[in-house]
């Protein structure tokens, strides 16, 4: 995977990932282990984890598909 985002994009994805993971954990705790809480919590944790990976690696999946992103 070749680095395809700059430092500003890395920072933005890392911060967004941390916020999403935190929100997913809170949603899981607040909504409980029912179907809604599980889906929202796990989806947010996985998505946020992927954003953290993108920020750490300097690679954006959307940019790799050929789309131009503003960051």
C-alpha atoms as a PDB file:
ATOM      1  CA  UNK A   1       0.000   0.000   0.000  1.00  0.00           C
ATOM      2  CA  UNK A   2       1.475   3.233  -1.191  1.00  0.00           C
ATOM      3  CA  UNK A   3       0.971   6.376   0.884  1.00  0.00           C
ATOM      4  CA  UNK A   4      -1.701   8.420  -0.884  1.00  0.00           C
ATOM      5  CA  UNK A   5      -2.632  11.080   1.704  1.00  0.00           C
ATOM      6  CA  UNK A   6      -0.671  13.908   3.267  1.00  0.00           C
ATOM      7  CA  UNK A   7      -0.120  14.741   6.941  1.00  0.00           C
ATOM      8  CA  UNK A   8      -3.379  16.719   7.172  1.00  0.00           C
ATOM      9  CA  UNK A   9      -5.366  13.760   5.822  1.00  0.00           C
ATOM     10  CA  UNK A  10      -3.607  11.362   8.180  1.00  0.00           C
ATOM     11  CA  UNK A  11      -4.382  13.556  11.187  1.00  0.00           C
ATOM     12  CA  UNK A  12      -8.020  13.988  10.148  1.00  0.00           C
ATOM     13  CA  UNK A  13      -8.568  10.249   9.655  1.00  0.00           C
ATOM     14  CA  UNK A  14      -6.846   9.402  12.925  1.00  0.00           C
ATOM     15  CA  UNK A  15      -8.951  11.877  14.930  1.00  0.00           C
ATOM     16  CA  UNK A  16     -12.162  10.804  13.181  1.00  0.00           C
ATOM     17  CA  UNK A  17     -11.302   7.159  13.881  1.00  0.00           C
ATOM     18  CA  UNK A  18     -10.703   7.794  17.573  1.00  0.00           C
ATOM     19  CA  UNK A  19     -14.004   9.691  17.848  1.00  0.00           C
ATOM     20  CA  UNK A  20     -15.873   6.919  15.994  1.00  0.00           C
ATOM     21  CA  UNK A  21     -14.386   4.150  18.145  1.00  0.00           C
ATOM     22  CA  UNK A  22     -15.260   6.097  21.289  1.00  0.00           C
ATOM     23  CA  UNK A  23     -18.814   6.740  20.063  1.00  0.00           C
ATOM     24  CA  UNK A  24     -19.190   3.058  19.174  1.00  0.00           C
ATOM     25  CA  UNK A  25     -18.121   2.003  22.645  1.00  0.00           C
ATOM     26  CA  UNK A  26     -20.500   4.455  24.254  1.00  0.00           C
ATOM     27  CA  UNK A  27     -23.349   3.382  21.942  1.00  0.00           C
ATOM     28  CA  UNK A  28     -22.737  -0.250  22.825  1.00  0.00           C
ATOM     29  CA  UNK A  29     -22.842   0.546  26.543  1.00  0.00           C
ATOM     30  CA  UNK A  30     -25.894   2.823  26.333  1.00  0.00           C
ATOM     31  CA  UNK A  31     -27.969   0.759  23.899  1.00  0.00           C
ATOM     32  CA  UNK A  32     -27.064  -2.514  25.561  1.00  0.00           C
ATOM     33  CA  UNK A  33     -26.307  -5.932  24.115  1.00  0.00           C
ATOM     34  CA  UNK A  34     -29.533  -6.071  22.081  1.00  0.00           C
ATOM     35  CA  UNK A  35     -29.594  -6.209  18.292  1.00  0.00           C
ATOM     36  CA  UNK A  36     -29.512  -2.422  17.772  1.00  0.00           C
ATOM     37  CA  UNK A  37     -26.741  -1.814  20.288  1.00  0.00           C
ATOM     38  CA  UNK A  38     -24.665  -4.644  18.897  1.00  0.00           C
ATOM     39  CA  UNK A  39     -25.002  -3.569  15.267  1.00  0.00           C
ATOM     40  CA  UNK A  40     -24.359   0.122  15.953  1.00  0.00           C
ATOM     41  CA  UNK A  41     -21.543  -0.560  18.408  1.00  0.00           C
ATOM     42  CA  UNK A  42     -19.695  -3.166  16.365  1.00  0.00           C
ATOM     43  CA  UNK A  43     -20.119  -1.231  13.105  1.00  0.00           C
ATOM     44  CA  UNK A  44     -18.731   1.924  14.695  1.00  0.00           C
ATOM     45  CA  UNK A  45     -15.835   0.050  16.285  1.00  0.00           C
ATOM     46  CA  UNK A  46     -14.881  -1.656  13.006  1.00  0.00           C
ATOM     47  CA  UNK A  47     -15.274   1.516  10.930  1.00  0.00           C
ATOM     48  CA  UNK A  48     -13.368   3.616  13.440  1.00  0.00           C
ATOM     49  CA  UNK A  49     -10.638   1.010  13.645  1.00  0.00           C
ATOM     50  CA  UNK A  50     -10.274   1.123   9.873  1.00  0.00           C
ATOM     51  CA  UNK A  51     -10.067   4.937   9.948  1.00  0.00           C
ATOM     52  CA  UNK A  52      -7.326   4.699  12.587  1.00  0.00           C
ATOM     53  CA  UNK A  53      -5.478   2.238  10.338  1.00  0.00           C
ATOM     54  CA  UNK A  54      -5.809   4.627   7.378  1.00  0.00           C
ATOM     55  CA  UNK A  55      -4.424   7.492   9.439  1.00  0.00           C
ATOM     56  CA  UNK A  56      -1.556   5.400  10.746  1.00  0.00           C
ATOM     57  CA  UNK A  57      -0.655   3.893   7.358  1.00  0.00           C
ATOM     58  CA  UNK A  58      -1.194   7.063   5.316  1.00  0.00           C
ATOM     59  CA  UNK A  59      -3.413   5.182   2.909  1.00  0.00           C
ATOM     60  CA  UNK A  60      -7.022   6.014   2.020  1.00  0.00           C
ATOM     61  CA  UNK A  61      -9.250   3.322   0.535  1.00  0.00           C
ATOM     62  CA  UNK A  62     -11.477   5.856  -1.231  1.00  0.00           C
ATOM     63  CA  UNK A  63      -8.487   7.542  -2.871  1.00  0.00           C
ATOM     64  CA  UNK A  64      -7.114   4.135  -3.850  1.00  0.00           C
ATOM     65  CA  UNK A  65     -10.355   3.548  -5.785  1.00  0.00           C
ATOM     66  CA  UNK A  66      -9.658   6.670  -7.835  1.00  0.00           C
ATOM     67  CA  UNK A  67     -11.914   9.210  -6.149  1.00  0.00           C
ATOM     68  CA  UNK A  68     -10.461  12.606  -5.283  1.00  0.00           C
ATOM     69  CA  UNK A  69     -11.062  13.603  -1.674  1.00  0.00           C
ATOM     70  CA  UNK A  70     -10.557  17.126  -0.349  1.00  0.00           C
ATOM     71  CA  UNK A  71      -8.137  15.984   2.392  1.00  0.00           C
END
